[in-house]
């Protein structure tokens, strides 16, 4: 197997995994899970603090 063929196989496998993960996320209803310490959670906490005027 050449390097080009090997890279093509790896790319296909990575694309399949990404596609499966995206289908899982897109297929689920409701709020997306938020991981503690993530940028999304810190942004939500910051916006809530600003909105309420709390330090």
PDB file of N, CA and C in Angstrom:
ATOM      1  N   UNK A   1       0.849  -1.176   0.000  1.00  0.00           N
ATOM      2  CA  UNK A   1       0.000   0.000   0.000  1.00  0.00           C
ATOM      3  C   UNK A   1       0.895   1.239   0.000  1.00  0.00           C
ATOM      4  N   UNK A   2       0.620   2.145  -0.908  1.00  0.00           N
ATOM      5  CA  UNK A   2       1.427   3.362  -1.001  1.00  0.00           C
ATOM      6  C   UNK A   2       0.991   4.361   0.073  1.00  0.00           C
ATOM      7  N   UNK A   3       1.812   5.387   0.260  1.00  0.00           N
ATOM      8  CA  UNK A   3       1.474   6.422   1.235  1.00  0.00           C
ATOM      9  C   UNK A   3       0.160   7.112   0.877  1.00  0.00           C
ATOM     10  N   UNK A   4      -0.071   7.338  -0.397  1.00  0.00           N
ATOM     11  CA  UNK A   4      -1.300   7.996  -0.842  1.00  0.00           C
ATOM     12  C   UNK A   4      -2.516   7.134  -0.534  1.00  0.00           C
ATOM     13  N   UNK A   5      -2.411   5.826  -0.798  1.00  0.00           N
ATOM     14  CA  UNK A   5      -3.515   4.916  -0.500  1.00  0.00           C
ATOM     15  C   UNK A   5      -3.742   4.836   1.008  1.00  0.00           C
ATOM     16  N   UNK A   6      -2.660   4.780   1.766  1.00  0.00           N
ATOM     17  CA  UNK A   6      -2.751   4.711   3.221  1.00  0.00           C
ATOM     18  C   UNK A   6      -3.438   5.961   3.765  1.00  0.00           C
ATOM     19  N   UNK A   7      -3.058   7.133   3.266  1.00  0.00           N
ATOM     20  CA  UNK A   7      -3.669   8.387   3.708  1.00  0.00           C
ATOM     21  C   UNK A   7      -5.148   8.428   3.351  1.00  0.00           C
ATOM     22  N   UNK A   8      -5.508   7.901   2.189  1.00  0.00           N
ATOM     23  CA  UNK A   8      -6.910   7.878   1.774  1.00  0.00           C
ATOM     24  C   UNK A   8      -7.744   7.016   2.716  1.00  0.00           C
ATOM     25  N   UNK A   9      -7.206   5.883   3.116  1.00  0.00           N
ATOM     26  CA  UNK A   9      -7.905   4.999   4.053  1.00  0.00           C
ATOM     27  C   UNK A   9      -8.081   5.691   5.402  1.00  0.00           C
ATOM     28  N   UNK A  10      -7.021   6.345   5.882  1.00  0.00           N
ATOM     29  CA  UNK A  10      -7.111   7.062   7.154  1.00  0.00           C
ATOM     30  C   UNK A  10      -8.124   8.199   7.075  1.00  0.00           C
ATOM     31  N   UNK A  11      -8.108   8.949   5.986  1.00  0.00           N
ATOM     32  CA  UNK A  11      -9.067  10.042   5.820  1.00  0.00           C
ATOM     33  C   UNK A  11     -10.504   9.530   5.813  1.00  0.00           C
ATOM     34  N   UNK A  12     -10.750   8.436   5.113  1.00  0.00           N
ATOM     35  CA  UNK A  12     -12.093   7.852   5.076  1.00  0.00           C
ATOM     36  C   UNK A  12     -12.545   7.418   6.464  1.00  0.00           C
ATOM     37  N   UNK A  13     -11.636   6.805   7.225  1.00  0.00           N
ATOM     38  CA  UNK A  13     -11.985   6.352   8.573  1.00  0.00           C
ATOM     39  C   UNK A  13     -12.293   7.544   9.483  1.00  0.00           C
ATOM     40  N   UNK A  14     -11.474   8.583   9.402  1.00  0.00           N
ATOM     41  CA  UNK A  14     -11.722   9.776  10.227  1.00  0.00           C
ATOM     42  C   UNK A  14     -13.032  10.447   9.831  1.00  0.00           C
ATOM     43  N   UNK A  15     -13.305  10.523   8.536  1.00  0.00           N
ATOM     44  CA  UNK A  15     -14.558  11.120   8.075  1.00  0.00           C
ATOM     45  C   UNK A  15     -15.760  10.317   8.550  1.00  0.00           C
ATOM     46  N   UNK A  16     -15.663   8.993   8.526  1.00  0.00           N
ATOM     47  CA  UNK A  16     -16.755   8.146   9.004  1.00  0.00           C
ATOM     48  C   UNK A  16     -17.020   8.368  10.488  1.00  0.00           C
ATOM     49  N   UNK A  17     -15.964   8.473  11.285  1.00  0.00           N
ATOM     50  CA  UNK A  17     -16.131   8.706  12.725  1.00  0.00           C
ATOM     51  C   UNK A  17     -16.751  10.069  12.987  1.00  0.00           C
ATOM     52  N   UNK A  18     -16.296  11.087  12.272  1.00  0.00           N
ATOM     53  CA  UNK A  18     -16.842  12.426  12.445  1.00  0.00           C
ATOM     54  C   UNK A  18     -18.305  12.465  12.020  1.00  0.00           C
ATOM     55  N   UNK A  19     -18.606  11.834  10.903  1.00  0.00           N
ATOM     56  CA  UNK A  19     -19.984  11.800  10.418  1.00  0.00           C
ATOM     57  C   UNK A  19     -20.899  11.121  11.429  1.00  0.00           C
ATOM     58  N   UNK A  20     -20.459  10.023  12.017  1.00  0.00           N
ATOM     59  CA  UNK A  20     -21.259   9.311  13.018  1.00  0.00           C
ATOM     60  C   UNK A  20     -21.487  10.183  14.252  1.00  0.00           C
ATOM     61  N   UNK A  21     -20.447  10.891  14.693  1.00  0.00           N
ATOM     62  CA  UNK A  21     -20.587  11.765  15.863  1.00  0.00           C
ATOM     63  C   UNK A  21     -21.553  12.904  15.567  1.00  0.00           C
ATOM     64  N   UNK A  22     -21.456  13.506  14.398  1.00  0.00           N
ATOM     65  CA  UNK A  22     -22.348  14.605  14.048  1.00  0.00           C
ATOM     66  C   UNK A  22     -23.788  14.133  13.912  1.00  0.00           C
ATOM     67  N   UNK A  23     -23.994  12.971  13.338  1.00  0.00           N
ATOM     68  CA  UNK A  23     -25.352  12.440  13.223  1.00  0.00           C
ATOM     69  C   UNK A  23     -25.946  12.193  14.604  1.00  0.00           C
ATOM     70  N   UNK A  24     -25.134  11.746  15.530  1.00  0.00           N
ATOM     71  CA  UNK A  24     -25.615  11.515  16.891  1.00  0.00           C
ATOM     72  C   UNK A  24     -26.041  12.834  17.533  1.00  0.00           C
ATOM     73  N   UNK A  25     -25.213  13.863  17.388  1.00  0.00           N
ATOM     74  CA  UNK A  25     -25.525  15.166  17.977  1.00  0.00           C
ATOM     75  C   UNK A  25     -26.737  15.781  17.298  1.00  0.00           C
ATOM     76  N   UNK A  26     -26.768  15.760  15.975  1.00  0.00           N
ATOM     77  CA  UNK A  26     -27.879  16.370  15.256  1.00  0.00           C
ATOM     78  C   UNK A  26     -29.184  15.625  15.489  1.00  0.00           C
ATOM     79  N   UNK A  27     -29.096  14.332  15.743  1.00  0.00           N
ATOM     80  CA  UNK A  27     -30.300  13.525  15.904  1.00  0.00           C
ATOM     81  C   UNK A  27     -30.934  13.634  17.279  1.00  0.00           C
ATOM     82  N   UNK A  28     -30.203  14.135  18.259  1.00  0.00           N
ATOM     83  CA  UNK A  28     -30.735  14.229  19.615  1.00  0.00           C
ATOM     84  C   UNK A  28     -31.399  15.583  19.829  1.00  0.00           C
ATOM     85  N   UNK A  29     -32.569  15.557  20.440  1.00  0.00           N
ATOM     86  CA  UNK A  29     -33.300  16.783  20.725  1.00  0.00           C
ATOM     87  C   UNK A  29     -32.918  17.304  22.099  1.00  0.00           C
ATOM     88  N   UNK A  30     -33.173  18.578  22.329  1.00  0.00           N
ATOM     89  CA  UNK A  30     -32.900  19.161  23.634  1.00  0.00           C
ATOM     90  C   UNK A  30     -31.579  19.905  23.646  1.00  0.00           C
ATOM     91  N   UNK A  31     -31.182  20.330  24.838  1.00  0.00           N
ATOM     92  CA  UNK A  31     -29.956  21.095  24.992  1.00  0.00           C
ATOM     93  C   UNK A  31     -28.736  20.216  24.779  1.00  0.00           C
ATOM     94  N   UNK A  32     -27.728  20.802  24.205  1.00  0.00           N
ATOM     95  CA  UNK A  32     -26.464  20.085  24.026  1.00  0.00           C
ATOM     96  C   UNK A  32     -25.771  19.968  25.369  1.00  0.00           C
ATOM     97  N   UNK A  33     -25.121  18.849  25.635  1.00  0.00           N
ATOM     98  CA  UNK A  33     -24.411  18.711  26.904  1.00  0.00           C
ATOM     99  C   UNK A  33     -23.257  19.700  26.978  1.00  0.00           C
ATOM    100  N   UNK A  34     -23.040  20.249  28.158  1.00  0.00           N
ATOM    101  CA  UNK A  34     -21.964  21.214  28.348  1.00  0.00           C
ATOM    102  C   UNK A  34     -20.986  20.645  29.368  1.00  0.00           C
ATOM    103  N   UNK A  35     -19.725  20.628  28.999  1.00  0.00           N
ATOM    104  CA  UNK A  35     -18.691  20.080  29.868  1.00  0.00           C
ATOM    105  C   UNK A  35     -18.191  21.168  30.802  1.00  0.00           C
ATOM    106  N   UNK A  36     -18.043  20.830  32.096  1.00  0.00           N
ATOM    107  CA  UNK A  36     -17.558  21.797  33.071  1.00  0.00           C
ATOM    108  C   UNK A  36     -16.200  22.328  32.642  1.00  0.00           C
ATOM    109  N   UNK A  37     -16.041  23.635  32.749  1.00  0.00           N
ATOM    110  CA  UNK A  37     -14.785  24.256  32.373  1.00  0.00           C
ATOM    111  C   UNK A  37     -14.656  24.541  30.893  1.00  0.00           C
ATOM    112  N   UNK A  38     -15.698  24.223  30.134  1.00  0.00           N
ATOM    113  CA  UNK A  38     -15.629  24.469  28.699  1.00  0.00           C
ATOM    114  C   UNK A  38     -15.885  25.945  28.408  1.00  0.00           C
ATOM    115  N   UNK A  39     -15.478  26.367  27.244  1.00  0.00           N
ATOM    116  CA  UNK A  39     -15.678  27.757  26.839  1.00  0.00           C
ATOM    117  C   UNK A  39     -17.169  28.079  26.789  1.00  0.00           C
ATOM    118  N   UNK A  40     -17.968  27.139  26.298  1.00  0.00           N
ATOM    119  CA  UNK A  40     -19.412  27.385  26.203  1.00  0.00           C
ATOM    120  C   UNK A  40     -20.015  27.621  27.582  1.00  0.00           C
ATOM    121  N   UNK A  41     -19.642  26.813  28.557  1.00  0.00           N
ATOM    122  CA  UNK A  41     -20.185  26.964  29.910  1.00  0.00           C
ATOM    123  C   UNK A  41     -19.704  28.260  30.547  1.00  0.00           C
ATOM    124  N   UNK A  42     -18.425  28.582  30.410  1.00  0.00           N
ATOM    125  CA  UNK A  42     -17.906  29.818  30.998  1.00  0.00           C
ATOM    126  C   UNK A  42     -18.580  31.032  30.369  1.00  0.00           C
ATOM    127  N   UNK A  43     -18.858  30.977  29.069  1.00  0.00           N
ATOM    128  CA  UNK A  43     -19.545  32.076  28.404  1.00  0.00           C
ATOM    129  C   UNK A  43     -20.960  32.225  28.941  1.00  0.00           C
ATOM    130  N   UNK A  44     -21.664  31.120  29.134  1.00  0.00           N
ATOM    131  CA  UNK A  44     -23.020  31.167  29.685  1.00  0.00           C
ATOM    132  C   UNK A  44     -23.005  31.727  31.096  1.00  0.00           C
ATOM    133  N   UNK A  45     -22.048  31.298  31.909  1.00  0.00           N
ATOM    134  CA  UNK A  45     -21.950  31.799  33.280  1.00  0.00           C
ATOM    135  C   UNK A  45     -21.637  33.288  33.291  1.00  0.00           C
ATOM    136  N   UNK A  46     -20.751  33.738  32.400  1.00  0.00           N
ATOM    137  CA  UNK A  46     -20.405  35.157  32.310  1.00  0.00           C
ATOM    138  C   UNK A  46     -21.622  35.977  31.913  1.00  0.00           C
ATOM    139  N   UNK A  47     -22.352  35.528  30.907  1.00  0.00           N
ATOM    140  CA  UNK A  47     -23.529  36.258  30.466  1.00  0.00           C
ATOM    141  C   UNK A  47     -24.585  36.317  31.567  1.00  0.00           C
ATOM    142  N   UNK A  48     -24.758  35.231  32.311  1.00  0.00           N
ATOM    143  CA  UNK A  48     -25.715  35.238  33.407  1.00  0.00           C
ATOM    144  C   UNK A  48     -25.290  36.213  34.497  1.00  0.00           C
ATOM    145  N   UNK A  49     -24.002  36.257  34.811  1.00  0.00           N
ATOM    146  CA  UNK A  49     -23.509  37.177  35.840  1.00  0.00           C
ATOM    147  C   UNK A  49     -23.686  38.624  35.419  1.00  0.00           C
ATOM    148  N   UNK A  50     -23.411  38.923  34.146  1.00  0.00           N
ATOM    149  CA  UNK A  50     -23.583  40.289  33.637  1.00  0.00           C
ATOM    150  C   UNK A  50     -25.049  40.682  33.651  1.00  0.00           C
ATOM    151  N   UNK A  51     -25.911  39.753  33.266  1.00  0.00           N
ATOM    152  CA  UNK A  51     -27.348  40.046  33.191  1.00  0.00           C
ATOM    153  C   UNK A  51     -27.928  40.337  34.581  1.00  0.00           C
ATOM    154  N   UNK A  52     -27.426  39.643  35.599  1.00  0.00           N
ATOM    155  CA  UNK A  52     -27.945  39.847  36.952  1.00  0.00           C
ATOM    156  C   UNK A  52     -27.185  40.917  37.701  1.00  0.00           C
ATOM    157  N   UNK A  53     -26.067  41.366  37.153  1.00  0.00           N
ATOM    158  CA  UNK A  53     -25.248  42.390  37.807  1.00  0.00           C
ATOM    159  C   UNK A  53     -24.468  41.875  38.985  1.00  0.00           C
ATOM    160  N   UNK A  54     -24.327  40.559  39.109  1.00  0.00           N
ATOM    161  CA  UNK A  54     -23.569  40.003  40.238  1.00  0.00           C
ATOM    162  C   UNK A  54     -22.091  39.903  39.884  1.00  0.00           C
ATOM    163  N   UNK A  55     -21.218  40.012  40.874  1.00  0.00           N
ATOM    164  CA  UNK A  55     -19.775  39.952  40.598  1.00  0.00           C
ATOM    165  C   UNK A  55     -19.291  38.568  40.251  1.00  0.00           C
TER     166      UNK A  55
END
